[in-house]
Amino acid sequence: MARKCYICNKSKATGMKISHSHIRTKRTWKPNLQRVRIVTNNGTTKRVLVCTRCLKSGKVNRAI
């Protein structure tokens, strides 16, 4: 399973870490993904990775 959100397709972002002496090295920021069971459009349950922003905003219909 890819490490990205099932709802909004948020995935890792890349950039530079800059030290005090301005030495630049590559780094990544990973999304806060949670493995949850959701109810899909046709009524079946599916276990997917969803970011916490989608969970908090109510974009996900969680299975019980």
PDB file of N, CA and C in Angstrom:
ATOM      1  N   MET A   1       0.841  -1.171   0.000  1.00  0.00           N
ATOM      2  CA  MET A   1       0.000   0.000   0.000  1.00  0.00           C
ATOM      3  C   MET A   1       0.890   1.239   0.000  1.00  0.00           C
ATOM      4  N   ALA A   2       0.590   2.195  -0.873  1.00  0.00           N
ATOM      5  CA  ALA A   2       1.392   3.410  -0.954  1.00  0.00           C
ATOM      6  C   ALA A   2       1.175   4.256   0.286  1.00  0.00           C
ATOM      7  N   ARG A   3       2.205   4.965   0.700  1.00  0.00           N
ATOM      8  CA  ARG A   3       2.112   5.793   1.899  1.00  0.00           C
ATOM      9  C   ARG A   3       1.517   7.150   1.542  1.00  0.00           C
ATOM     10  N   LYS A   4       0.239   7.132   1.147  1.00  0.00           N
ATOM     11  CA  LYS A   4      -0.463   8.381   0.891  1.00  0.00           C
ATOM     12  C   LYS A   4      -1.916   8.232   1.299  1.00  0.00           C
ATOM     13  N   CYS A   5      -2.560   9.352   1.513  1.00  0.00           N
ATOM     14  CA  CYS A   5      -3.932   9.372   2.002  1.00  0.00           C
ATOM     15  C   CYS A   5      -4.880   8.874   0.916  1.00  0.00           C
ATOM     16  N   TYR A   6      -5.816   8.007   1.300  1.00  0.00           N
ATOM     17  CA  TYR A   6      -6.790   7.438   0.376  1.00  0.00           C
ATOM     18  C   TYR A   6      -7.782   8.496  -0.100  1.00  0.00           C
ATOM     19  N   ILE A   7      -8.063   9.500   0.725  1.00  0.00           N
ATOM     20  CA  ILE A   7      -9.074  10.504   0.420  1.00  0.00           C
ATOM     21  C   ILE A   7      -8.489  11.668  -0.385  1.00  0.00           C
ATOM     22  N   CYS A   8      -7.418  12.308   0.131  1.00  0.00           N
ATOM     23  CA  CYS A   8      -6.903  13.534  -0.484  1.00  0.00           C
ATOM     24  C   CYS A   8      -5.580  13.338  -1.219  1.00  0.00           C
ATOM     25  N   ASN A   9      -5.046  12.122  -1.265  1.00  0.00           N
ATOM     26  CA  ASN A   9      -3.787  11.805  -1.941  1.00  0.00           C
ATOM     27  C   ASN A   9      -2.587  12.567  -1.390  1.00  0.00           C
ATOM     28  N   LYS A  10      -2.645  12.974  -0.132  1.00  0.00           N
ATOM     29  CA  LYS A  10      -1.493  13.623   0.489  1.00  0.00           C
ATOM     30  C   LYS A  10      -0.390  12.590   0.661  1.00  0.00           C
ATOM     31  N   SER A  11       0.831  12.943   0.239  1.00  0.00           N
ATOM     32  CA  SER A  11       1.965  12.036   0.364  1.00  0.00           C
ATOM     33  C   SER A  11       3.152  12.813   0.900  1.00  0.00           C
ATOM     34  N   LYS A  12       4.318  12.175   0.933  1.00  0.00           N
ATOM     35  CA  LYS A  12       5.460  12.840   1.538  1.00  0.00           C
ATOM     36  C   LYS A  12       5.921  14.014   0.697  1.00  0.00           C
ATOM     37  N   ALA A  13       6.445  15.031   1.376  1.00  0.00           N
ATOM     38  CA  ALA A  13       6.976  16.226   0.729  1.00  0.00           C
ATOM     39  C   ALA A  13       8.477  16.269   0.977  1.00  0.00           C
ATOM     40  N   THR A  14       9.213  16.828   0.035  1.00  0.00           N
ATOM     41  CA  THR A  14      10.659  16.911   0.178  1.00  0.00           C
ATOM     42  C   THR A  14      11.099  18.359   0.240  1.00  0.00           C
ATOM     43  N   GLY A  15      12.267  18.552   0.834  1.00  0.00           N
ATOM     44  CA  GLY A  15      12.819  19.894   0.954  1.00  0.00           C
ATOM     45  C   GLY A  15      14.226  19.821   1.486  1.00  0.00           C
ATOM     46  N   MET A  16      14.695  20.935   2.007  1.00  0.00           N
ATOM     47  CA  MET A  16      16.051  21.023   2.519  1.00  0.00           C
ATOM     48  C   MET A  16      16.038  21.334   4.011  1.00  0.00           C
ATOM     49  N   LYS A  17      16.915  20.651   4.744  1.00  0.00           N
ATOM     50  CA  LYS A  17      17.177  21.000   6.137  1.00  0.00           C
ATOM     51  C   LYS A  17      18.372  21.953   6.103  1.00  0.00           C
ATOM     52  N   ILE A  18      18.248  23.102   6.741  1.00  0.00           N
ATOM     53  CA  ILE A  18      19.315  24.097   6.714  1.00  0.00           C
ATOM     54  C   ILE A  18      19.859  24.265   8.120  1.00  0.00           C
ATOM     55  N   SER A  19      21.149  24.005   8.294  1.00  0.00           N
ATOM     56  CA  SER A  19      21.785  24.112   9.598  1.00  0.00           C
ATOM     57  C   SER A  19      22.121  25.576   9.899  1.00  0.00           C
ATOM     58  N   HIS A  20      22.640  25.816  11.096  1.00  0.00           N
ATOM     59  CA  HIS A  20      23.025  27.173  11.501  1.00  0.00           C
ATOM     60  C   HIS A  20      24.135  27.711  10.598  1.00  0.00           C
ATOM     61  N   SER A  21      25.030  26.824  10.139  1.00  0.00           N
ATOM     62  CA  SER A  21      26.109  27.251   9.240  1.00  0.00           C
ATOM     63  C   SER A  21      25.679  27.221   7.778  1.00  0.00           C
ATOM     64  N   HIS A  22      24.385  27.041   7.537  1.00  0.00           N
ATOM     65  CA  HIS A  22      23.753  27.059   6.217  1.00  0.00           C
ATOM     66  C   HIS A  22      24.184  25.890   5.340  1.00  0.00           C
ATOM     67  N   ILE A  23      24.508  24.758   5.939  1.00  0.00           N
ATOM     68  CA  ILE A  23      24.736  23.537   5.186  1.00  0.00           C
ATOM     69  C   ILE A  23      23.375  22.929   4.886  1.00  0.00           C
ATOM     70  N   ARG A  24      23.122  22.634   3.610  1.00  0.00           N
ATOM     71  CA  ARG A  24      21.810  22.141   3.194  1.00  0.00           C
ATOM     72  C   ARG A  24      21.869  20.655   2.916  1.00  0.00           C
ATOM     73  N   THR A  25      20.938  19.903   3.514  1.00  0.00           N
ATOM     74  CA  THR A  25      20.799  18.474   3.260  1.00  0.00           C
ATOM     75  C   THR A  25      19.332  18.183   2.981  1.00  0.00           C
ATOM     76  N   LYS A  26      19.099  17.152   2.169  1.00  0.00           N
ATOM     77  CA  LYS A  26      17.725  16.799   1.814  1.00  0.00           C
ATOM     78  C   LYS A  26      17.020  16.127   2.986  1.00  0.00           C
ATOM     79  N   ARG A  27      15.714  16.394   3.097  1.00  0.00           N
ATOM     80  CA  ARG A  27      14.894  15.749   4.114  1.00  0.00           C
ATOM     81  C   ARG A  27      13.476  15.591   3.591  1.00  0.00           C
ATOM     82  N   THR A  28      12.659  14.820   4.313  1.00  0.00           N
ATOM     83  CA  THR A  28      11.272  14.604   3.908  1.00  0.00           C
ATOM     84  C   THR A  28      10.338  14.876   5.077  1.00  0.00           C
ATOM     85  N   TRP A  29       9.121  15.270   4.751  1.00  0.00           N
ATOM     86  CA  TRP A  29       8.047  15.411   5.718  1.00  0.00           C
ATOM     87  C   TRP A  29       6.989  14.381   5.360  1.00  0.00           C
ATOM     88  N   LYS A  30       6.652  13.512   6.296  1.00  0.00           N
ATOM     89  CA  LYS A  30       5.673  12.460   6.030  1.00  0.00           C
ATOM     90  C   LYS A  30       4.327  12.838   6.645  1.00  0.00           C
ATOM     91  N   PRO A  31       3.222  12.531   5.963  1.00  0.00           N
ATOM     92  CA  PRO A  31       1.905  12.843   6.516  1.00  0.00           C
ATOM     93  C   PRO A  31       1.567  11.910   7.678  1.00  0.00           C
ATOM     94  N   ASN A  32       0.703  12.374   8.560  1.00  0.00           N
ATOM     95  CA  ASN A  32       0.264  11.581   9.703  1.00  0.00           C
ATOM     96  C   ASN A  32      -0.873  10.684   9.237  1.00  0.00           C
ATOM     97  N   LEU A  33      -0.524   9.464   8.829  1.00  0.00           N
ATOM     98  CA  LEU A  33      -1.505   8.530   8.283  1.00  0.00           C
ATOM     99  C   LEU A  33      -1.925   7.526   9.340  1.00  0.00           C
ATOM    100  N   GLN A  34      -3.223   7.224   9.356  1.00  0.00           N
ATOM    101  CA  GLN A  34      -3.779   6.243  10.273  1.00  0.00           C
ATOM    102  C   GLN A  34      -4.468   5.158   9.449  1.00  0.00           C
ATOM    103  N   ARG A  35      -4.356   3.909   9.889  1.00  0.00           N
ATOM    104  CA  ARG A  35      -4.997   2.794   9.197  1.00  0.00           C
ATOM    105  C   ARG A  35      -6.391   2.614   9.792  1.00  0.00           C
ATOM    106  N   VAL A  36      -7.421   2.895   9.006  1.00  0.00           N
ATOM    107  CA  VAL A  36      -8.799   2.834   9.490  1.00  0.00           C
ATOM    108  C   VAL A  36      -9.650   2.012   8.533  1.00  0.00           C
ATOM    109  N   ARG A  37     -10.760   1.495   9.065  1.00  0.00           N
ATOM    110  CA  ARG A  37     -11.752   0.794   8.253  1.00  0.00           C
ATOM    111  C   ARG A  37     -12.821   1.797   7.869  1.00  0.00           C
ATOM    112  N   ILE A  38     -13.095   1.926   6.568  1.00  0.00           N
ATOM    113  CA  ILE A  38     -14.101   2.865   6.091  1.00  0.00           C
ATOM    114  C   ILE A  38     -15.178   2.115   5.325  1.00  0.00           C
ATOM    115  N   VAL A  39     -16.320   2.766   5.161  1.00  0.00           N
ATOM    116  CA  VAL A  39     -17.412   2.229   4.354  1.00  0.00           C
ATOM    117  C   VAL A  39     -17.322   2.893   2.988  1.00  0.00           C
ATOM    118  N   THR A  40     -17.169   2.099   1.924  1.00  0.00           N
ATOM    119  CA  THR A  40     -17.063   2.650   0.574  1.00  0.00           C
ATOM    120  C   THR A  40     -18.446   2.992   0.034  1.00  0.00           C
ATOM    121  N   ASN A  41     -18.485   3.511  -1.201  1.00  0.00           N
ATOM    122  CA  ASN A  41     -19.750   3.960  -1.799  1.00  0.00           C
ATOM    123  C   ASN A  41     -20.744   2.822  -2.005  1.00  0.00           C
ATOM    124  N   ASN A  42     -20.236   1.614  -2.296  1.00  0.00           N
ATOM    125  CA  ASN A  42     -21.156   0.492  -2.529  1.00  0.00           C
ATOM    126  C   ASN A  42     -21.500  -0.264  -1.249  1.00  0.00           C
ATOM    127  N   GLY A  43     -21.092   0.251  -0.072  1.00  0.00           N
ATOM    128  CA  GLY A  43     -21.498  -0.329   1.200  1.00  0.00           C
ATOM    129  C   GLY A  43     -20.548  -1.337   1.793  1.00  0.00           C
ATOM    130  N   THR A  44     -19.468  -1.660   1.112  1.00  0.00           N
ATOM    131  CA  THR A  44     -18.502  -2.617   1.659  1.00  0.00           C
ATOM    132  C   THR A  44     -17.487  -1.889   2.528  1.00  0.00           C
ATOM    133  N   THR A  45     -16.866  -2.630   3.430  1.00  0.00           N
ATOM    134  CA  THR A  45     -15.835  -2.038   4.284  1.00  0.00           C
ATOM    135  C   THR A  45     -14.460  -2.313   3.678  1.00  0.00           C
ATOM    136  N   LYS A  46     -13.555  -1.372   3.906  1.00  0.00           N
ATOM    137  CA  LYS A  46     -12.219  -1.457   3.342  1.00  0.00           C
ATOM    138  C   LYS A  46     -11.252  -0.838   4.339  1.00  0.00           C
ATOM    139  N   ARG A  47     -10.077  -1.432   4.492  1.00  0.00           N
ATOM    140  CA  ARG A  47      -9.056  -0.892   5.391  1.00  0.00           C
ATOM    141  C   ARG A  47      -8.053  -0.090   4.578  1.00  0.00           C
ATOM    142  N   VAL A  48      -7.955   1.211   4.870  1.00  0.00           N
ATOM    143  CA  VAL A  48      -7.117   2.105   4.074  1.00  0.00           C
ATOM    144  C   VAL A  48      -6.325   3.031   5.001  1.00  0.00           C
ATOM    145  N   LEU A  49      -5.355   3.736   4.415  1.00  0.00           N
ATOM    146  CA  LEU A  49      -4.590   4.758   5.125  1.00  0.00           C
ATOM    147  C   LEU A  49      -5.232   6.115   4.861  1.00  0.00           C
ATOM    148  N   VAL A  50      -5.545   6.843   5.948  1.00  0.00           N
ATOM    149  CA  VAL A  50      -6.195   8.147   5.841  1.00  0.00           C
ATOM    150  C   VAL A  50      -5.432   9.119   6.720  1.00  0.00           C
ATOM    151  N   CYS A  51      -5.214  10.353   6.234  1.00  0.00           N
ATOM    152  CA  CYS A  51      -4.509  11.349   7.043  1.00  0.00           C
ATOM    153  C   CYS A  51      -5.443  11.876   8.132  1.00  0.00           C
ATOM    154  N   THR A  52      -4.847  12.394   9.180  1.00  0.00           N
ATOM    155  CA  THR A  52      -5.630  12.845  10.327  1.00  0.00           C
ATOM    156  C   THR A  52      -6.464  14.073  10.008  1.00  0.00           C
ATOM    157  N   ARG A  53      -6.076  14.866   9.031  1.00  0.00           N
ATOM    158  CA  ARG A  53      -6.878  16.026   8.663  1.00  0.00           C
ATOM    159  C   ARG A  53      -8.209  15.589   8.051  1.00  0.00           C
ATOM    160  N   CYS A  54      -8.183  14.543   7.235  1.00  0.00           N
ATOM    161  CA  CYS A  54      -9.426  14.019   6.653  1.00  0.00           C
ATOM    162  C   CYS A  54     -10.302  13.372   7.724  1.00  0.00           C
ATOM    163  N   LEU A  55      -9.678  12.693   8.690  1.00  0.00           N
ATOM    164  CA  LEU A  55     -10.438  12.100   9.788  1.00  0.00           C
ATOM    165  C   LEU A  55     -11.112  13.173  10.632  1.00  0.00           C
ATOM    166  N   LYS A  56     -10.371  14.221  10.946  1.00  0.00           N
ATOM    167  CA  LYS A  56     -10.887  15.281  11.818  1.00  0.00           C
ATOM    168  C   LYS A  56     -11.992  16.087  11.141  1.00  0.00           C
ATOM    169  N   SER A  57     -11.882  16.311   9.813  1.00  0.00           N
ATOM    170  CA  SER A  57     -12.855  17.120   9.113  1.00  0.00           C
ATOM    171  C   SER A  57     -14.116  16.346   8.742  1.00  0.00           C
ATOM    172  N   GLY A  58     -14.113  15.026   8.945  1.00  0.00           N
ATOM    173  CA  GLY A  58     -15.319  14.249   8.686  1.00  0.00           C
ATOM    174  C   GLY A  58     -15.488  13.809   7.250  1.00  0.00           C
ATOM    175  N   LYS A  59     -14.408  13.793   6.473  1.00  0.00           N
ATOM    176  CA  LYS A  59     -14.493  13.353   5.081  1.00  0.00           C
ATOM    177  C   LYS A  59     -14.562  11.833   4.962  1.00  0.00           C
ATOM    178  N   VAL A  60     -14.391  11.113   6.092  1.00  0.00           N
ATOM    179  CA  VAL A  60     -14.343   9.671   6.083  1.00  0.00           C
ATOM    180  C   VAL A  60     -15.541   9.110   6.815  1.00  0.00           C
ATOM    181  N   ASN A  61     -16.212   8.123   6.214  1.00  0.00           N
ATOM    182  CA  ASN A  61     -17.317   7.438   6.859  1.00  0.00           C
ATOM    183  C   ASN A  61     -16.754   6.142   7.448  1.00  0.00           C
ATOM    184  N   ARG A  62     -16.430   6.153   8.743  1.00  0.00           N
ATOM    185  CA  ARG A  62     -15.768   5.011   9.375  1.00  0.00           C
ATOM    186  C   ARG A  62     -16.723   3.858   9.603  1.00  0.00           C
ATOM    187  N   ALA A  63     -16.205   2.657   9.452  1.00  0.00           N
ATOM    188  CA  ALA A  63     -16.987   1.441   9.706  1.00  0.00           C
ATOM    189  C   ALA A  63     -16.940   1.128  11.202  1.00  0.00           C
ATOM    190  N   ILE A  64     -17.979   0.502  11.688  1.00  0.00           N
ATOM    191  CA  ILE A  64     -18.049   0.172  13.123  1.00  0.00           C
ATOM    192  C   ILE A  64     -17.642  -1.261  13.361  1.00  0.00           C
TER     193      ILE A  64
END
